[in-house]
Amino acid sequence: MKTWILLFCLFLASCSNRQTQSSDHENFYRIDFRPLVKNEAQEIGLNEWATNPRYVQLETNDFIRVKSIQRIILDDEKLLVVHSDRLSLFDKDGKYMYEIGKKVGSIFQDPRSQFFASITEDEIAFGCENYGVPYEELDGRVSNAIKRINGDMLRGKEIYPMSSGEKQKIAVASVNAVNPEIYVFDEPSANLDMYSVEALKNLMRELKSEGHTIIVAEHRLYYLTGLADRFLYMENGSIKEEWTPEELLSMPEAKRQNIGIRAADLRHIEVDIPSRKETDVTLEVKGLAFSYRNHPVFHDISFQAYAGDLIAIIGHNGIGKTTLSNILCGMQKEKAGQILYNGKDVPKGRRKNFAYFVMQNTDCQLFGDSVEEELLLNGKGSTHEQRDDLLKMYGLFEWKERHPATLSGGQKQRLTLAVSDWIDTPILILDEPTSGLDYKHMKEVANVLKQVRDA
């Protein structure tokens, strides 16, 4: 039997160097985007442009120097002008695409992918600086954005060592500082504890009251029921149903489970707690302590884990749950204390033989060129049928030829869990294993964990 430990939480294309009007008109070509739009993407060579008499001007009234243009690519939404020294990207109305960022702000599911700076205040100020916000306004915008996320404790800190939940807060604050008309959130609560989710809800309510439009792609629904005006259910790339909050809350339980969405009311969730069996101690932690650059993270951590245990480590963002997991697996070294596997003190370098860690940031663990190859890298003695059965168990069979980088966050999460099935270690540690998963796949993962625990 394995022991499981789970952790949970309670284009900026440069369009500079614009050309201005000149009397030397033969060196310029006025572009009218709209008459040139086609149904399918196309690339227009310079020879065609040189002989083509059509012209229309951009809304910005800019001219583009023909001599510097290498090619022009069109589709039904964008126009990309490739110069010898820069790119110019326009939308279908002839506006520079970077202007859209002033109207629509996006908070990504993986906040690290949208960071440009290493310090909290620098990152939050980055968007404002790029849009030319006056310096005298900058400090006020940054301070206000930090207050809105209850992030005073994050001031002056490096972003890289922060927890995923803290990074999520920084991403929200960086968009909020720009103050766009529309906010687009992609799984904003995935890495947040309950306290931070409530703060996020209050921020959304405040933005909504100020007249902002808010669009949220989300699996957690409970915090949105008193906030959202509409819930749009998507399936196979299209909107299948639309519900009011009242309709969602009154949805029959059988229908909710059948379409695979999470509960909208946490009070209706029932949990069966199994009786505990007496087994051998697999892991024992004694007086564990850790500090980061002289800042204590935790101290005097002691507990035991038995064969067949499924243990949940809970706590607020930044409390040290992931750090504890890294130490148990030998990825970081403790400041003090002991870690015993099967009664023996095991040093940092040998702990990987006893514990396997499924990271919250799944991209750090995926190396194959396809989903199936990812399994081959970790289970070289497996048969084709065994790999197919495992992929079917985790709902990944139809994507077996896909590159892991093209999967959704939830699919990557399931792939790393599938890989962990091949690793023969007595202890498996999962960091936020249900983040990014809908109800259906969350139940599947829970059932797999129970099966492996009891095996």
Protein backbone atom coordinates (compact mmCIF):
# COMPACT_ATOMS: atom_id res chain seq x y z
CA MET A 1 0.00 0.00 0.00
CA LYS A 2 1.18 3.48 -0.83
CA THR A 3 1.01 6.50 1.42
CA TRP A 4 -0.41 9.63 -0.19
CA ILE A 5 0.17 13.17 1.00
CA LEU A 6 -1.95 15.85 -0.65
CA LEU A 7 -1.52 19.60 -0.32
CA PHE A 8 -4.43 21.98 -0.58
CA CYS A 9 -5.03 25.69 0.04
CA LEU A 10 -7.90 26.56 3.31
CA PHE A 11 1.60 40.50 -26.96
CA LEU A 12 3.06 43.04 -26.39
CA ALA A 13 4.46 43.59 -29.89
CA SER A 14 6.58 46.69 -30.16
CA CYS A 15 4.89 49.16 -32.46
CA SER A 16 7.28 51.98 -31.84
CA ASN A 17 9.00 54.14 -34.42
CA ARG A 18 5.76 55.07 -36.18
CA GLN A 19 6.26 56.65 -39.57
CA THR A 20 4.78 60.08 -40.17
CA GLN A 21 3.48 61.60 -43.38
CA SER A 22 6.03 62.72 -45.96
CA SER A 23 5.92 64.50 -49.27
CA ASP A 24 7.91 61.62 -50.74
CA HIS A 25 4.74 59.56 -51.26
CA GLU A 26 6.35 56.93 -53.51
CA ASN A 27 8.16 55.60 -50.43
CA PHE A 28 4.90 55.04 -48.55
CA TYR A 29 1.87 52.84 -48.96
CA ARG A 30 -1.42 53.66 -47.30
CA ILE A 31 -3.15 50.56 -46.00
CA ASP A 32 -6.90 50.09 -45.66
CA PHE A 33 -7.29 46.92 -43.64
CA ARG A 34 -11.00 46.27 -44.10
CA PRO A 35 -11.28 45.83 -47.90
CA LEU A 36 -8.30 43.49 -47.84
CA VAL A 37 -9.70 41.04 -45.28
CA LYS A 38 -10.24 37.50 -46.59
CA ASN A 39 -12.00 34.52 -45.07
CA GLU A 40 -8.79 32.53 -44.90
CA ALA A 41 -5.38 33.66 -43.71
CA GLN A 42 -3.09 34.83 -46.47
CA GLU A 43 0.35 36.26 -46.94
CA ILE A 44 0.71 39.12 -49.44
CA GLY A 45 4.09 39.61 -51.10
CA LEU A 46 5.61 42.97 -51.91
CA ASN A 47 5.24 42.51 -55.66
CA GLU A 48 1.46 42.30 -55.32
CA TRP A 49 1.42 45.37 -53.11
CA ALA A 50 3.59 47.33 -55.56
CA THR A 51 1.14 46.72 -58.41
CA ASN A 52 -2.06 46.80 -56.39
CA PRO A 53 -3.80 50.21 -56.69
CA ARG A 54 -5.91 49.73 -53.56
CA TYR A 55 -5.17 51.78 -50.48
CA VAL A 56 -6.98 52.69 -47.27
CA GLN A 57 -5.57 54.32 -44.22
CA LEU A 58 -5.31 53.11 -40.67
CA GLU A 59 -7.42 54.76 -38.01
CA THR A 60 -4.16 56.06 -36.54
CA ASN A 61 -3.54 57.98 -39.81
CA ASP A 62 -0.09 56.40 -39.99
CA PHE A 63 1.82 55.63 -43.14
CA ILE A 64 3.98 52.55 -43.50
CA ARG A 65 7.20 52.76 -45.48
CA VAL A 66 7.13 50.19 -48.30
CA LYS A 67 10.90 49.87 -48.44
CA SER A 68 11.02 48.50 -44.88
CA ILE A 69 8.21 45.96 -45.34
CA GLN A 70 9.21 42.32 -45.80
CA ARG A 71 5.73 40.80 -45.89
CA ILE A 72 2.16 41.39 -44.76
CA ILE A 73 0.00 38.63 -43.27
CA LEU A 74 -3.77 38.94 -43.07
CA ASP A 75 -6.55 36.93 -41.54
CA ASP A 76 -10.13 37.85 -40.66
CA GLU A 77 -9.13 39.54 -37.40
CA LYS A 78 -5.56 40.85 -37.62
CA LEU A 79 -3.03 42.44 -39.92
CA LEU A 80 0.65 41.80 -39.24
CA VAL A 81 3.17 44.01 -41.00
CA VAL A 82 6.66 42.52 -40.82
CA HIS A 83 9.32 45.21 -41.17
CA SER A 84 13.04 44.64 -41.41
CA ASP A 85 13.48 45.99 -37.88
CA ARG A 86 10.12 45.55 -36.09
CA LEU A 87 6.57 44.19 -36.18
CA SER A 88 3.36 46.20 -36.40
CA LEU A 89 0.18 44.41 -35.39
CA PHE A 90 -3.28 45.86 -36.05
CA ASP A 91 -6.83 44.72 -35.41
CA LYS A 92 -9.60 44.63 -38.01
CA ASP A 93 -10.44 48.29 -37.41
CA GLY A 94 -6.88 49.39 -38.07
CA LYS A 95 -5.99 50.01 -34.44
CA TYR A 96 -2.69 48.95 -32.93
CA MET A 97 -3.25 45.64 -31.13
CA TYR A 98 -1.36 46.70 -28.02
CA GLU A 99 -4.12 49.24 -27.40
CA ILE A 100 -6.48 46.34 -26.62
CA GLY A 101 -4.58 45.77 -23.38
CA LYS A 102 -5.95 49.09 -22.11
CA LYS A 103 -9.49 47.77 -22.52
CA VAL A 104 -9.09 44.05 -21.74
CA GLY A 105 -6.88 42.71 -18.94
CA SER A 106 -6.15 38.98 -18.66
CA ILE A 107 -5.13 37.01 -15.58
CA PHE A 108 -3.64 33.71 -16.75
CA GLN A 109 -4.16 30.33 -15.09
CA ASP A 110 -0.38 30.09 -14.71
CA PRO A 111 0.51 33.58 -13.44
CA ARG A 112 4.26 33.05 -13.91
CA SER A 113 3.81 33.20 -17.66
CA GLN A 114 2.77 36.84 -17.52
CA PHE A 115 5.48 38.17 -15.21
CA PHE A 116 8.22 40.50 -16.45
CA ALA A 117 9.77 41.74 -13.19
CA SER A 118 11.22 40.08 -10.11
CA ILE A 119 9.91 42.38 -7.34
CA THR A 120 6.24 42.88 -6.39
CA GLU A 121 5.98 46.64 -6.97
CA ASP A 122 7.98 46.48 -10.23
CA GLU A 123 5.67 43.84 -11.68
CA ILE A 124 2.50 45.69 -10.70
CA ALA A 125 3.85 48.91 -12.22
CA PHE A 126 5.06 47.25 -15.44
CA GLY A 127 1.83 47.55 -17.44
CA CYS A 128 1.26 51.15 -16.39
CA GLU A 129 4.80 52.10 -17.37
CA ASN A 130 4.35 50.54 -20.82
CA TYR A 131 1.20 52.56 -21.39
CA GLY A 132 2.86 55.79 -20.34
CA VAL A 133 1.00 56.41 -17.07
CA PRO A 134 2.44 59.62 -15.55
CA TYR A 135 5.03 58.96 -12.86
CA GLU A 136 3.09 60.94 -10.26
CA GLU A 137 0.12 58.53 -10.71
CA LEU A 138 2.19 55.35 -10.66
CA ASP A 139 2.78 54.99 -6.92
CA GLY A 140 -0.90 55.56 -6.18
CA ARG A 141 -2.02 52.93 -8.67
CA VAL A 142 0.46 50.36 -7.36
CA SER A 143 -0.47 50.98 -3.72
CA ASN A 144 -4.19 50.78 -4.46
CA ALA A 145 -3.75 47.52 -6.41
CA ILE A 146 -1.80 45.96 -3.52
CA LYS A 147 -4.46 46.97 -1.01
CA ARG A 148 -7.19 45.41 -3.16
CA ILE A 149 -5.54 41.98 -2.94
CA ASN A 150 -4.69 42.34 0.76
CA GLY A 151 -1.06 42.09 -0.31
CA ASP A 152 0.74 44.42 2.09
CA MET A 153 2.85 41.48 3.30
CA LEU A 154 4.09 41.01 -0.29
CA ARG A 155 5.57 44.50 -0.67
CA GLY A 156 9.24 44.54 -1.61
CA LYS A 157 9.42 40.75 -1.94
CA GLU A 158 10.88 38.69 -4.75
CA ILE A 159 8.16 37.00 -6.82
CA TYR A 160 10.00 33.79 -7.72
CA PRO A 161 10.07 32.24 -4.20
CA MET A 162 6.39 33.08 -3.57
CA SER A 163 3.73 30.40 -3.39
CA SER A 164 1.43 29.90 -6.39
CA GLY A 165 -1.41 31.61 -4.54
CA GLU A 166 0.72 34.66 -3.81
CA LYS A 167 1.82 34.82 -7.45
CA GLN A 168 -1.85 34.72 -8.44
CA LYS A 169 -2.48 37.77 -6.28
CA ILE A 170 0.39 39.65 -7.94
CA ALA A 171 -1.05 38.87 -11.40
CA VAL A 172 -4.46 40.23 -10.37
CA ALA A 173 -2.87 43.39 -8.94
CA SER A 174 -0.76 44.01 -12.07
CA VAL A 175 -3.86 44.00 -14.27
CA ASN A 176 -5.89 46.00 -11.78
CA ALA A 177 -3.27 48.77 -11.79
CA VAL A 178 -3.84 49.32 -15.52
CA ASN A 179 -7.60 49.60 -14.81
CA PRO A 180 -9.04 48.06 -18.00
CA GLU A 181 -12.73 48.09 -18.86
CA ILE A 182 -12.93 44.30 -19.14
CA TYR A 183 -11.30 41.68 -16.89
CA VAL A 184 -10.79 38.10 -18.13
CA PHE A 185 -9.90 35.61 -15.37
CA ASP A 186 -8.70 32.09 -16.23
CA GLU A 187 -9.16 29.77 -13.22
CA PRO A 188 -8.36 32.62 -10.78
CA SER A 189 -9.16 30.62 -7.64
CA ALA A 190 -7.23 27.47 -8.57
CA ASN A 191 -4.25 28.24 -6.31
CA LEU A 192 -5.99 30.28 -3.62
CA ASP A 193 -7.02 29.39 -0.07
CA MET A 194 -10.53 30.16 1.19
CA TYR A 195 -9.50 33.49 2.68
CA SER A 196 -7.92 34.61 -0.60
CA VAL A 197 -10.92 33.36 -2.61
CA GLU A 198 -13.17 35.57 -0.49
CA ALA A 199 -10.82 38.51 -1.11
CA LEU A 200 -10.94 37.74 -4.85
CA LYS A 201 -14.74 37.66 -4.74
CA ASN A 202 -14.84 41.04 -2.98
CA LEU A 203 -12.46 42.48 -5.59
CA MET A 204 -14.68 41.22 -8.42
CA ARG A 205 -17.76 42.66 -6.71
CA GLU A 206 -16.06 46.02 -6.35
CA LEU A 207 -14.94 46.02 -9.99
CA LYS A 208 -18.44 45.08 -11.09
CA SER A 209 -19.97 47.93 -9.05
CA GLU A 210 -17.57 50.32 -10.80
CA GLY A 211 -18.97 49.28 -14.18
CA HIS A 212 -16.31 46.82 -15.30
CA THR A 213 -17.22 43.73 -17.31
CA ILE A 214 -15.87 40.52 -15.75
CA ILE A 215 -15.49 37.18 -17.56
CA VAL A 216 -14.37 34.17 -15.52
CA ALA A 217 -13.39 30.71 -16.83
CA GLU A 218 -13.71 28.61 -13.70
CA HIS A 219 -14.35 25.18 -12.17
CA ARG A 220 -14.97 26.42 -8.63
CA LEU A 221 -18.47 27.86 -8.72
CA TYR A 222 -19.51 28.40 -5.11
CA TYR A 223 -17.95 31.86 -4.74
CA LEU A 224 -19.52 33.11 -7.98
CA THR A 225 -23.16 32.26 -7.24
CA GLY A 226 -23.79 35.53 -5.41
CA LEU A 227 -21.77 37.54 -7.90
CA ALA A 228 -22.23 36.34 -11.49
CA ASP A 229 -25.25 37.36 -13.56
CA ARG A 230 -25.00 34.42 -15.95
CA PHE A 231 -23.33 31.02 -16.09
CA LEU A 232 -22.50 29.75 -19.59
CA TYR A 233 -21.82 26.00 -19.86
CA MET A 234 -19.49 25.02 -22.73
CA GLU A 235 -19.16 21.61 -24.31
CA ASN A 236 -17.16 20.55 -27.39
CA GLY A 237 -16.23 24.11 -28.24
CA SER A 238 -19.68 25.69 -28.06
CA ILE A 239 -22.08 27.09 -25.46
CA LYS A 240 -24.63 24.39 -24.67
CA GLU A 241 -26.60 25.93 -21.79
CA GLU A 242 -27.05 29.19 -19.90
CA TRP A 243 -28.21 29.48 -16.29
CA THR A 244 -29.02 32.20 -13.82
CA PRO A 245 -27.49 31.80 -10.33
CA GLU A 246 -30.88 30.61 -9.07
CA GLU A 247 -31.12 27.97 -11.82
CA LEU A 248 -27.60 26.74 -11.08
CA LEU A 249 -28.27 26.44 -7.35
CA SER A 250 -31.53 24.56 -7.93
CA MET A 251 -30.05 22.18 -10.50
CA PRO A 252 -30.79 18.51 -9.66
CA GLU A 253 -27.75 16.74 -8.26
CA ALA A 254 -27.98 13.99 -10.87
CA LYS A 255 -27.76 16.52 -13.71
CA ARG A 256 -24.84 18.37 -12.10
CA GLN A 257 -22.85 15.18 -11.75
CA ASN A 258 -23.79 14.01 -15.24
CA ILE A 259 -22.48 17.15 -16.97
CA GLY A 260 -19.44 17.15 -14.70
CA ILE A 261 -19.42 20.53 -12.95
CA ARG A 262 -18.51 21.19 -9.32
CA ALA A 263 -21.04 21.96 -6.61
CA ALA A 264 -22.35 25.53 -6.49
CA ASP A 265 -23.21 25.20 -2.78
CA LEU A 266 -20.55 23.70 -0.50
CA ARG A 267 -23.12 22.96 2.18
CA HIS A 268 -24.49 20.12 0.05
CA ILE A 269 -21.19 18.23 -0.04
CA GLU A 270 -21.08 15.03 1.98
CA VAL A 271 -17.84 13.22 2.81
CA ASP A 272 -17.38 9.66 3.99
CA ILE A 273 -14.46 9.31 6.40
CA PRO A 274 -13.14 5.72 6.36
CA SER A 275 -12.02 3.97 9.51
CA ARG A 276 -8.28 3.95 10.08
CA LYS A 277 -6.38 0.67 9.96
CA GLU A 278 -3.33 -0.06 12.08
CA THR A 279 -0.32 -0.48 9.78
CA ASP A 280 3.43 0.07 9.83
CA VAL A 281 4.94 3.54 10.05
CA THR A 282 6.31 4.46 6.61
CA LEU A 283 7.39 8.05 7.29
CA GLU A 284 8.27 9.88 10.48
CA VAL A 285 9.14 13.58 10.68
CA LYS A 286 10.78 14.91 13.84
CA GLY A 287 11.27 18.58 14.74
CA LEU A 288 11.57 19.77 11.15
CA ALA A 289 12.44 23.46 10.58
CA PHE A 290 13.18 25.56 7.50
CA SER A 291 14.13 29.18 6.81
CA TYR A 292 14.44 31.11 3.57
CA ARG A 293 17.17 33.75 3.68
CA ASN A 294 16.93 34.00 7.46
CA HIS A 295 13.12 34.26 7.30
CA PRO A 296 11.54 31.34 9.21
CA VAL A 297 9.01 29.39 7.13
CA PHE A 298 8.09 26.72 9.70
CA HIS A 299 9.59 25.08 12.77
CA ASP A 300 9.08 22.01 14.99
CA ILE A 301 7.04 20.04 12.41
CA SER A 302 6.51 16.47 13.63
CA PHE A 303 4.12 13.76 12.39
CA GLN A 304 3.90 10.12 11.32
CA ALA A 305 2.48 8.55 8.15
CA TYR A 306 1.38 4.93 7.98
CA ALA A 307 1.16 2.54 5.03
CA GLY A 308 -2.20 3.07 3.35
CA ASP A 309 -2.69 6.58 4.79
CA LEU A 310 -4.10 9.34 2.63
CA ILE A 311 -3.14 12.57 4.40
CA ALA A 312 -4.22 16.12 3.46
CA ILE A 313 -1.91 18.96 4.50
CA ILE A 314 -4.00 22.14 4.59
CA GLY A 315 -3.22 25.77 5.30
CA HIS A 316 -3.17 29.28 3.89
CA ASN A 317 -1.12 30.43 0.90
CA GLY A 318 2.56 30.85 1.67
CA ILE A 319 2.47 28.83 4.90
CA GLY A 320 5.11 26.34 3.67
CA LYS A 321 3.15 23.34 2.37
CA THR A 322 5.11 23.02 -0.89
CA THR A 323 8.42 23.65 0.90
CA LEU A 324 7.64 20.80 3.31
CA SER A 325 6.95 18.52 0.34
CA ASN A 326 10.21 19.50 -1.35
CA ILE A 327 12.13 18.60 1.81
CA LEU A 328 10.39 15.22 2.14
CA CYS A 329 11.40 14.39 -1.45
CA GLY A 330 14.97 15.65 -1.11
CA MET A 331 14.53 18.68 -3.39
CA GLN A 332 15.35 21.09 -0.56
CA LYS A 333 17.33 20.70 2.65
CA GLU A 334 15.85 21.31 6.07
CA LYS A 335 17.48 23.66 8.57
CA ALA A 336 16.88 21.26 11.46
CA GLY A 337 15.10 18.02 12.23
CA GLN A 338 14.98 14.41 11.01
CA ILE A 339 13.15 12.51 8.27
CA LEU A 340 12.89 8.77 8.76
CA TYR A 341 11.67 6.29 6.15
CA ASN A 342 10.88 2.82 7.51
CA GLY A 343 12.57 3.81 10.76
CA LYS A 344 15.89 4.93 9.21
CA ASP A 345 17.17 8.51 9.00
CA VAL A 346 17.49 9.25 5.27
CA PRO A 347 19.69 12.12 4.02
CA LYS A 348 18.50 14.61 1.40
CA GLY A 349 20.18 12.93 -1.58
CA ARG A 350 18.52 9.54 -1.01
CA ARG A 351 14.95 10.64 -0.25
CA LYS A 352 13.92 10.50 -3.92
CA ASN A 353 14.08 6.70 -3.63
CA PHE A 354 11.31 6.78 -1.04
CA ALA A 355 9.00 9.63 -2.13
CA TYR A 356 7.79 10.90 -5.52
CA PHE A 357 6.51 14.46 -5.83
CA VAL A 358 3.80 15.56 -8.29
CA MET A 359 4.37 19.30 -8.57
CA GLN A 360 1.71 21.97 -8.73
CA ASN A 361 3.51 23.45 -11.74
CA THR A 362 3.21 20.42 -14.00
CA ASP A 363 5.31 21.91 -16.82
CA CYS A 364 8.41 21.28 -14.69
CA GLN A 365 7.84 17.51 -14.87
CA LEU A 366 6.79 16.93 -18.48
CA PHE A 367 9.61 16.12 -20.91
CA GLY A 368 8.21 13.83 -23.62
CA ASP A 369 7.19 14.76 -27.16
CA SER A 370 3.81 13.11 -26.69
CA VAL A 371 1.55 11.98 -23.86
CA GLU A 372 2.42 8.34 -24.52
CA GLU A 373 6.15 9.07 -24.65
CA GLU A 374 5.86 10.76 -21.26
CA LEU A 375 4.77 7.40 -19.86
CA LEU A 376 7.56 5.60 -21.73
CA LEU A 377 10.18 7.83 -20.14
CA ASN A 378 9.02 6.71 -16.70
CA GLY A 379 7.92 3.13 -17.39
CA LYS A 380 10.29 1.57 -19.89
CA GLY A 381 9.17 -1.96 -19.13
CA SER A 382 5.51 -1.26 -19.81
CA THR A 383 3.52 -2.75 -22.67
CA HIS A 384 1.42 -0.86 -25.20
CA GLU A 385 -1.75 -2.25 -23.63
CA GLN A 386 -0.70 -1.18 -20.12
CA ARG A 387 -0.04 2.37 -21.28
CA ASP A 388 -3.38 2.56 -23.07
CA ASP A 389 -5.23 1.26 -20.01
CA LEU A 390 -3.55 3.85 -17.78
CA LEU A 391 -4.34 6.69 -20.19
CA LYS A 392 -7.97 5.57 -20.34
CA MET A 393 -8.09 5.52 -16.53
CA TYR A 394 -7.03 9.16 -16.43
CA GLY A 395 -9.15 10.24 -19.41
CA LEU A 396 -6.14 10.95 -21.66
CA PHE A 397 -6.30 8.16 -24.25
CA GLU A 398 -7.65 10.31 -27.08
CA TRP A 399 -4.76 12.75 -26.57
CA LYS A 400 -2.00 10.11 -26.49
CA GLU A 401 -0.27 11.57 -29.57
CA ARG A 402 -0.52 15.19 -28.40
CA HIS A 403 2.50 17.08 -27.09
CA PRO A 404 2.14 17.66 -23.32
CA ALA A 405 2.67 21.41 -23.80
CA THR A 406 -0.56 21.61 -25.85
CA LEU A 407 -2.72 20.09 -23.08
CA SER A 408 -4.92 22.12 -20.77
CA GLY A 409 -3.89 22.69 -17.17
CA GLY A 410 -6.24 19.97 -15.96
CA GLN A 411 -5.00 17.48 -18.56
CA LYS A 412 -1.38 18.14 -17.60
CA GLN A 413 -2.34 17.56 -13.98
CA ARG A 414 -3.84 14.18 -14.85
CA LEU A 415 -0.80 13.24 -16.94
CA THR A 416 1.60 13.85 -14.05
CA LEU A 417 -0.67 11.72 -11.85
CA ALA A 418 -0.60 8.96 -14.48
CA VAL A 419 3.21 9.13 -14.53
CA SER A 420 3.25 8.78 -10.75
CA ASP A 421 1.48 5.44 -11.16
CA TRP A 422 4.59 4.08 -12.88
CA ILE A 423 6.94 5.23 -10.10
CA ASP A 424 7.44 2.50 -7.51
CA THR A 425 7.94 4.55 -4.33
CA PRO A 426 6.22 3.91 -0.99
CA ILE A 427 5.11 7.54 -0.68
CA LEU A 428 3.52 9.83 -3.27
CA ILE A 429 3.16 13.54 -2.52
CA LEU A 430 0.74 15.61 -4.60
CA ASP A 431 0.78 19.41 -4.56
CA GLU A 432 -2.73 20.81 -5.27
CA PRO A 433 -3.77 17.70 -7.27
CA THR A 434 -7.30 18.95 -8.07
CA SER A 435 -6.46 22.48 -9.22
CA GLY A 436 -7.74 22.98 -12.76
CA LEU A 437 -9.96 19.88 -12.69
CA ASP A 438 -13.71 19.79 -13.27
CA TYR A 439 -16.01 17.63 -11.12
CA LYS A 440 -15.81 14.58 -13.38
CA HIS A 441 -12.01 14.43 -13.49
CA MET A 442 -11.69 15.40 -9.84
CA LYS A 443 -13.81 12.36 -8.94
CA GLU A 444 -11.73 10.16 -11.24
CA VAL A 445 -8.50 11.31 -9.60
CA ALA A 446 -9.99 10.74 -6.13
CA ASN A 447 -11.02 7.20 -7.07
CA VAL A 448 -7.56 6.44 -8.47
CA LEU A 449 -5.93 7.68 -5.26
CA LYS A 450 -8.17 5.39 -3.21
CA GLN A 451 -7.39 2.42 -5.46
CA VAL A 452 -3.62 2.94 -5.23
CA ARG A 453 -3.86 3.51 -1.46
CA ASP A 454 -5.66 0.21 -0.96
CA ALA A 455 -3.51 -1.76 -3.42
